[in-house]
Amino acid sequence: MNWNTWIRQIHRWVAIAFTLTVIANFAAMGLGEPPAWVVYSPLPPLFLLLFTGLYMFVLPYATRWRSGRRAAGEA
């Protein structure tokens, strides 16, 4: 399995964790005032999603840029 496949798998599993923490957050708010750790629990998965998502977003552009640079250097 290559690096890009690992990033995609991590992104998928972190998205599931993020979704579960948001659902738990809403459930806790429905029961009353939740503690601070419940309110802030979606933030770590959200930051991981941000970084892995940005990596996957830039990947096609970086691949195109690298292949274009390599082709220009050979000519």
Protein backbone atom coordinates (compact mmCIF):
# COMPACT_ATOMS: atom_id res chain seq x y z
CA MET A 1 0.00 0.00 0.00
CA ASN A 2 1.48 3.36 -0.99
CA TRP A 3 1.51 6.66 0.90
CA ASN A 4 -1.55 8.13 -0.86
CA THR A 5 -3.66 5.10 -0.02
CA TRP A 6 -2.68 5.41 3.65
CA ILE A 7 -3.67 9.08 3.71
CA ARG A 8 -7.06 8.27 2.16
CA GLN A 9 -7.70 5.48 4.67
CA ILE A 10 -6.71 7.72 7.59
CA HIS A 11 -8.98 10.46 6.24
CA ARG A 12 -11.94 8.05 6.03
CA TRP A 13 -11.49 6.69 9.55
CA VAL A 14 -10.94 10.14 11.06
CA ALA A 15 -14.13 11.30 9.31
CA ILE A 16 -16.03 8.52 11.08
CA ALA A 17 -14.50 9.53 14.42
CA PHE A 18 -15.36 13.18 13.77
CA THR A 19 -18.97 12.29 12.93
CA LEU A 20 -19.32 10.25 16.11
CA THR A 21 -17.91 13.05 18.28
CA VAL A 22 -20.30 15.57 16.73
CA ILE A 23 -23.26 13.24 17.34
CA ALA A 24 -22.12 12.73 20.94
CA ASN A 25 -21.78 16.49 21.31
CA PHE A 26 -25.37 17.10 20.19
CA ALA A 27 -26.63 14.30 22.43
CA ALA A 28 -24.80 15.79 25.42
CA MET A 29 -26.22 19.24 24.66
CA GLY A 30 -29.70 17.75 24.59
CA LEU A 31 -29.21 16.46 28.12
CA GLY A 32 -28.08 19.80 29.51
CA GLU A 33 -24.85 21.76 29.75
CA PRO A 34 -22.07 19.43 28.58
CA PRO A 35 -18.56 19.55 30.06
CA ALA A 36 -15.88 21.39 28.14
CA TRP A 37 -14.08 18.21 27.02
CA VAL A 38 -17.26 17.05 25.24
CA VAL A 39 -17.70 20.41 23.53
CA TYR A 40 -14.10 20.49 22.29
CA SER A 41 -13.78 16.78 21.46
CA PRO A 42 -14.57 17.23 17.72
CA LEU A 43 -11.63 19.60 17.23
CA PRO A 44 -8.69 17.12 17.08
CA PRO A 45 -10.34 14.97 14.38
CA LEU A 46 -11.36 18.13 12.55
CA PHE A 47 -7.74 19.32 12.37
CA LEU A 48 -6.62 15.90 11.12
CA LEU A 49 -9.35 16.06 8.48
CA LEU A 50 -8.13 19.50 7.48
CA PHE A 51 -4.55 18.36 6.93
CA THR A 52 -5.37 15.09 5.16
CA GLY A 53 -8.01 16.82 3.04
CA LEU A 54 -5.60 19.56 2.00
CA TYR A 55 -3.02 16.93 1.10
CA MET A 56 -5.50 15.08 -1.10
CA PHE A 57 -6.67 18.34 -2.65
CA VAL A 58 -3.14 19.41 -3.64
CA LEU A 59 -2.01 15.95 -4.77
CA PRO A 60 -3.30 16.11 -8.39
CA TYR A 61 -1.79 19.57 -8.89
CA ALA A 62 1.55 18.48 -7.45
CA THR A 63 1.59 15.38 -9.64
CA ARG A 64 0.80 17.43 -12.73
CA TRP A 65 3.45 20.00 -11.80
CA ARG A 66 6.10 17.33 -11.25
CA SER A 67 5.32 15.52 -14.50
CA GLY A 68 5.37 18.83 -16.40
CA ARG A 69 8.72 19.81 -14.89
CA ARG A 70 10.20 16.43 -15.69
CA ALA A 71 8.98 16.57 -19.31
CA ALA A 72 10.36 20.10 -19.77
CA GLY A 73 13.76 19.05 -18.38
CA GLU A 74 14.04 16.12 -20.79
CA ALA A 75 13.27 18.14 -23.92
